[in-house]
Amino acid sequence: DESVAVSAAAVAHAAGAGGNEAAPQDMRTARDKLQRANVAMTVKDYPLALSLAREAQVDAQLAEARALSNKARKAADVLRDDNRVLREEIERKTK
């Protein structure tokens, strides 16, 4: 039960971080494995449920990492553009 709950929290956290947009396949895989883990729990196949829950958690963490990476890349692009504009402005004023 605990592993399935932790995995569910990881999936929700990844979705909140933008995983659905940044890594939709990873999120689908995580949700599928989480659902299968819940089914395994209901039929009392605890080893399978544990394995699927752990895999779902890893897939969710991957989706979250991809989302955070995309956000960082976008922020770096904005900063690079801002620096370029600032350099151009400095060069224009010094001429």
N, C-alpha and C. Protein backbone atom coordinates (compact mmCIF):
# COMPACT_ATOMS: atom_id res chain seq x y z
N ASP A 1 0.82 -1.20 0.00
CA ASP A 1 0.00 0.00 0.00
C ASP A 1 0.86 1.26 0.00
N GLU A 2 1.91 1.24 0.81
CA GLU A 2 2.75 2.43 0.94
C GLU A 2 3.45 2.75 -0.39
N SER A 3 3.98 1.75 -1.05
CA SER A 3 4.68 1.99 -2.32
C SER A 3 3.73 2.51 -3.40
N VAL A 4 2.52 1.99 -3.41
CA VAL A 4 1.53 2.46 -4.38
C VAL A 4 1.17 3.91 -4.08
N ALA A 5 1.03 4.24 -2.81
CA ALA A 5 0.70 5.62 -2.43
C ALA A 5 1.84 6.57 -2.78
N VAL A 6 3.07 6.14 -2.54
CA VAL A 6 4.23 6.97 -2.89
C VAL A 6 4.29 7.19 -4.40
N SER A 7 4.01 6.14 -5.15
CA SER A 7 4.01 6.25 -6.61
C SER A 7 2.90 7.18 -7.09
N ALA A 8 1.74 7.08 -6.48
CA ALA A 8 0.64 7.97 -6.85
C ALA A 8 1.02 9.42 -6.59
N ALA A 9 1.69 9.66 -5.46
CA ALA A 9 2.14 11.02 -5.14
C ALA A 9 3.18 11.49 -6.15
N ALA A 10 4.07 10.59 -6.56
CA ALA A 10 5.10 10.96 -7.55
C ALA A 10 4.46 11.32 -8.89
N VAL A 11 3.44 10.57 -9.29
CA VAL A 11 2.74 10.86 -10.54
C VAL A 11 2.05 12.22 -10.45
N ALA A 12 1.39 12.47 -9.34
CA ALA A 12 0.72 13.76 -9.16
C ALA A 12 1.72 14.91 -9.14
N HIS A 13 2.85 14.69 -8.49
CA HIS A 13 3.88 15.73 -8.40
C HIS A 13 4.46 16.02 -9.79
N ALA A 14 4.70 14.97 -10.55
CA ALA A 14 5.24 15.15 -11.90
C ALA A 14 4.25 15.90 -12.78
N ALA A 15 2.97 15.57 -12.64
CA ALA A 15 1.95 16.27 -13.42
C ALA A 15 1.93 17.75 -13.04
N GLY A 16 2.04 18.03 -11.75
CA GLY A 16 2.05 19.42 -11.29
C GLY A 16 3.27 20.19 -11.76
N ALA A 17 4.36 19.48 -12.01
CA ALA A 17 5.59 20.13 -12.48
C ALA A 17 5.60 20.33 -13.99
N GLY A 18 4.56 19.85 -14.65
CA GLY A 18 4.48 20.02 -16.10
C GLY A 18 4.86 18.77 -16.88
N GLY A 19 4.87 17.64 -16.23
CA GLY A 19 5.24 16.40 -16.89
C GLY A 19 4.33 16.00 -18.03
N ASN A 20 3.06 16.35 -17.93
CA ASN A 20 2.12 15.99 -19.00
C ASN A 20 2.49 16.65 -20.32
N GLU A 21 2.99 17.87 -20.26
CA GLU A 21 3.36 18.59 -21.46
C GLU A 21 4.77 18.24 -21.92
N ALA A 22 5.69 18.13 -20.97
CA ALA A 22 7.09 17.91 -21.31
C ALA A 22 7.43 16.46 -21.63
N ALA A 23 6.71 15.54 -21.00
CA ALA A 23 7.02 14.11 -21.18
C ALA A 23 5.73 13.29 -21.16
N PRO A 24 4.87 13.51 -22.14
CA PRO A 24 3.57 12.83 -22.11
C PRO A 24 3.66 11.31 -22.13
N GLN A 25 4.63 10.77 -22.86
CA GLN A 25 4.76 9.32 -22.92
C GLN A 25 5.18 8.75 -21.56
N ASP A 26 6.13 9.42 -20.91
CA ASP A 26 6.56 8.97 -19.59
C ASP A 26 5.41 9.03 -18.60
N MET A 27 4.60 10.07 -18.70
CA MET A 27 3.45 10.20 -17.80
C MET A 27 2.42 9.11 -18.07
N ARG A 28 2.16 8.82 -19.34
CA ARG A 28 1.22 7.74 -19.67
C ARG A 28 1.71 6.41 -19.13
N THR A 29 3.01 6.17 -19.30
CA THR A 29 3.59 4.93 -18.80
C THR A 29 3.48 4.85 -17.29
N ALA A 30 3.79 5.95 -16.61
CA ALA A 30 3.70 5.96 -15.14
C ALA A 30 2.27 5.71 -14.68
N ARG A 31 1.32 6.38 -15.32
CA ARG A 31 -0.08 6.18 -14.92
C ARG A 31 -0.55 4.75 -15.19
N ASP A 32 -0.13 4.20 -16.32
CA ASP A 32 -0.50 2.82 -16.66
C ASP A 32 0.06 1.85 -15.63
N LYS A 33 1.31 2.01 -15.28
CA LYS A 33 1.93 1.12 -14.30
C LYS A 33 1.29 1.29 -12.92
N LEU A 34 0.94 2.51 -12.59
CA LEU A 34 0.27 2.75 -11.31
C LEU A 34 -1.10 2.06 -11.29
N GLN A 35 -1.82 2.18 -12.38
CA GLN A 35 -3.13 1.51 -12.46
C GLN A 35 -2.96 0.00 -12.35
N ARG A 36 -1.97 -0.54 -13.05
CA ARG A 36 -1.72 -1.98 -12.99
C ARG A 36 -1.28 -2.41 -11.58
N ALA A 37 -0.55 -1.54 -10.89
CA ALA A 37 -0.15 -1.83 -9.51
C ALA A 37 -1.38 -1.90 -8.61
N ASN A 38 -2.31 -0.98 -8.83
CA ASN A 38 -3.55 -1.00 -8.04
C ASN A 38 -4.35 -2.27 -8.29
N VAL A 39 -4.40 -2.70 -9.55
CA VAL A 39 -5.10 -3.94 -9.87
C VAL A 39 -4.40 -5.12 -9.19
N ALA A 40 -3.08 -5.14 -9.25
CA ALA A 40 -2.32 -6.22 -8.60
C ALA A 40 -2.58 -6.24 -7.10
N MET A 41 -2.74 -5.07 -6.51
CA MET A 41 -3.06 -5.00 -5.07
C MET A 41 -4.41 -5.64 -4.79
N THR A 42 -5.39 -5.36 -5.65
CA THR A 42 -6.73 -5.89 -5.40
C THR A 42 -6.78 -7.41 -5.51
N VAL A 43 -5.91 -7.99 -6.34
CA VAL A 43 -5.88 -9.45 -6.46
C VAL A 43 -4.79 -10.05 -5.57
N LYS A 44 -4.24 -9.22 -4.71
CA LYS A 44 -3.25 -9.63 -3.72
C LYS A 44 -1.95 -10.19 -4.32
N ASP A 45 -1.58 -9.68 -5.49
CA ASP A 45 -0.30 -10.02 -6.08
C ASP A 45 0.68 -8.93 -5.67
N TYR A 46 1.12 -8.99 -4.42
CA TYR A 46 1.91 -7.93 -3.83
C TYR A 46 3.29 -7.76 -4.46
N PRO A 47 3.99 -8.83 -4.83
CA PRO A 47 5.28 -8.61 -5.50
C PRO A 47 5.13 -7.85 -6.82
N LEU A 48 4.12 -8.19 -7.60
CA LEU A 48 3.89 -7.47 -8.86
C LEU A 48 3.49 -6.03 -8.58
N ALA A 49 2.63 -5.84 -7.60
CA ALA A 49 2.20 -4.48 -7.25
C ALA A 49 3.39 -3.63 -6.83
N LEU A 50 4.27 -4.19 -6.04
CA LEU A 50 5.46 -3.45 -5.59
C LEU A 50 6.36 -3.09 -6.77
N SER A 51 6.58 -4.06 -7.64
CA SER A 51 7.42 -3.81 -8.81
C SER A 51 6.84 -2.73 -9.72
N LEU A 52 5.56 -2.84 -10.00
CA LEU A 52 4.91 -1.84 -10.85
C LEU A 52 4.88 -0.47 -10.20
N ALA A 53 4.66 -0.43 -8.90
CA ALA A 53 4.64 0.85 -8.19
C ALA A 53 6.00 1.53 -8.27
N ARG A 54 7.05 0.74 -8.08
CA ARG A 54 8.40 1.31 -8.15
C ARG A 54 8.70 1.81 -9.57
N GLU A 55 8.31 1.05 -10.57
CA GLU A 55 8.52 1.47 -11.95
C GLU A 55 7.73 2.74 -12.26
N ALA A 56 6.51 2.81 -11.78
CA ALA A 56 5.69 4.01 -11.99
C ALA A 56 6.34 5.23 -11.36
N GLN A 57 6.91 5.03 -10.18
CA GLN A 57 7.57 6.14 -9.50
C GLN A 57 8.77 6.63 -10.32
N VAL A 58 9.56 5.72 -10.84
CA VAL A 58 10.72 6.10 -11.64
C VAL A 58 10.28 6.82 -12.92
N ASP A 59 9.24 6.30 -13.57
CA ASP A 59 8.74 6.96 -14.79
C ASP A 59 8.24 8.36 -14.48
N ALA A 60 7.56 8.51 -13.36
CA ALA A 60 7.06 9.83 -12.96
C ALA A 60 8.22 10.78 -12.65
N GLN A 61 9.24 10.27 -11.99
CA GLN A 61 10.40 11.11 -11.69
C GLN A 61 11.12 11.53 -12.98
N LEU A 62 11.17 10.65 -13.93
CA LEU A 62 11.77 10.99 -15.23
C LEU A 62 10.96 12.10 -15.91
N ALA A 63 9.65 11.96 -15.90
CA ALA A 63 8.79 12.99 -16.50
C ALA A 63 8.99 14.33 -15.81
N GLU A 64 9.08 14.30 -14.49
CA GLU A 64 9.29 15.54 -13.74
C GLU A 64 10.64 16.15 -14.09
N ALA A 65 11.66 15.32 -14.18
CA ALA A 65 13.00 15.83 -14.51
C ALA A 65 13.01 16.45 -15.90
N ARG A 66 12.31 15.83 -16.83
CA ARG A 66 12.24 16.41 -18.18
C ARG A 66 11.52 17.75 -18.16
N ALA A 67 10.45 17.83 -17.38
CA ALA A 67 9.70 19.09 -17.29
C ALA A 67 10.57 20.19 -16.68
N LEU A 68 11.28 19.86 -15.61
CA LEU A 68 12.14 20.86 -14.98
C LEU A 68 13.29 21.26 -15.89
N SER A 69 13.81 20.31 -16.63
CA SER A 69 14.87 20.62 -17.59
C SER A 69 14.37 21.57 -18.67
N ASN A 70 13.17 21.32 -19.17
CA ASN A 70 12.59 22.21 -20.19
C ASN A 70 12.40 23.62 -19.64
N LYS A 71 11.93 23.71 -18.40
CA LYS A 71 11.74 25.03 -17.80
C LYS A 71 13.07 25.75 -17.64
N ALA A 72 14.10 25.02 -17.22
CA ALA A 72 15.42 25.63 -17.05
C ALA A 72 15.98 26.07 -18.39
N ARG A 73 15.78 25.27 -19.42
CA ARG A 73 16.26 25.63 -20.76
C ARG A 73 15.57 26.90 -21.24
N LYS A 74 14.27 27.00 -21.02
CA LYS A 74 13.54 28.20 -21.45
C LYS A 74 14.01 29.42 -20.68
N ALA A 75 14.25 29.26 -19.38
CA ALA A 75 14.74 30.38 -18.58
C ALA A 75 16.13 30.81 -19.06
N ALA A 76 16.97 29.86 -19.41
CA ALA A 76 18.31 30.19 -19.92
C ALA A 76 18.21 30.92 -21.25
N ASP A 77 17.27 30.50 -22.10
CA ASP A 77 17.08 31.18 -23.38
C ASP A 77 16.66 32.63 -23.18
N VAL A 78 15.77 32.85 -22.25
CA VAL A 78 15.32 34.22 -21.96
C VAL A 78 16.48 35.05 -21.44
N LEU A 79 17.26 34.48 -20.54
CA LEU A 79 18.40 35.20 -19.98
C LEU A 79 19.43 35.52 -21.07
N ARG A 80 19.66 34.56 -21.95
CA ARG A 80 20.61 34.78 -23.06
C ARG A 80 20.11 35.92 -23.96
N ASP A 81 18.82 35.93 -24.25
CA ASP A 81 18.26 37.00 -25.08
C ASP A 81 18.36 38.35 -24.38
N ASP A 82 18.08 38.37 -23.09
CA ASP A 82 18.19 39.61 -22.32
C ASP A 82 19.62 40.13 -22.33
N ASN A 83 20.57 39.23 -22.18
CA ASN A 83 21.98 39.65 -22.21
C ASN A 83 22.37 40.19 -23.57
N ARG A 84 21.88 39.57 -24.62
CA ARG A 84 22.17 40.04 -25.98
C ARG A 84 21.63 41.45 -26.17
N VAL A 85 20.41 41.69 -25.75
CA VAL A 85 19.80 43.02 -25.88
C VAL A 85 20.60 44.04 -25.08
N LEU A 86 21.00 43.66 -23.89
CA LEU A 86 21.78 44.57 -23.05
C LEU A 86 23.13 44.90 -23.69
N ARG A 87 23.80 43.89 -24.24
CA ARG A 87 25.08 44.14 -24.93
C ARG A 87 24.88 45.08 -26.12
N GLU A 88 23.83 44.84 -26.88
CA GLU A 88 23.55 45.69 -28.04
C GLU A 88 23.30 47.13 -27.60
N GLU A 89 22.60 47.28 -26.51
CA GLU A 89 22.29 48.63 -25.99
C GLU A 89 23.56 49.33 -25.53
N ILE A 90 24.43 48.57 -24.86
CA ILE A 90 25.71 49.14 -24.40
C ILE A 90 26.56 49.55 -25.60
N GLU A 91 26.64 48.69 -26.59
CA GLU A 91 27.43 49.02 -27.78
C GLU A 91 26.85 50.24 -28.49
N ARG A 92 25.54 50.35 -28.57
CA ARG A 92 24.92 51.49 -29.23
C ARG A 92 25.24 52.78 -28.50
N LYS A 93 25.23 52.74 -27.17
CA LYS A 93 25.48 53.96 -26.38
C LYS A 93 26.95 54.35 -26.40
N THR A 94 27.84 53.41 -26.59
CA THR A 94 29.27 53.74 -26.56
C THR A 94 29.79 54.20 -27.92
N LYS A 95 28.98 54.19 -28.94
CA LYS A 95 29.41 54.62 -30.28
C LYS A 95 29.15 56.07 -30.50
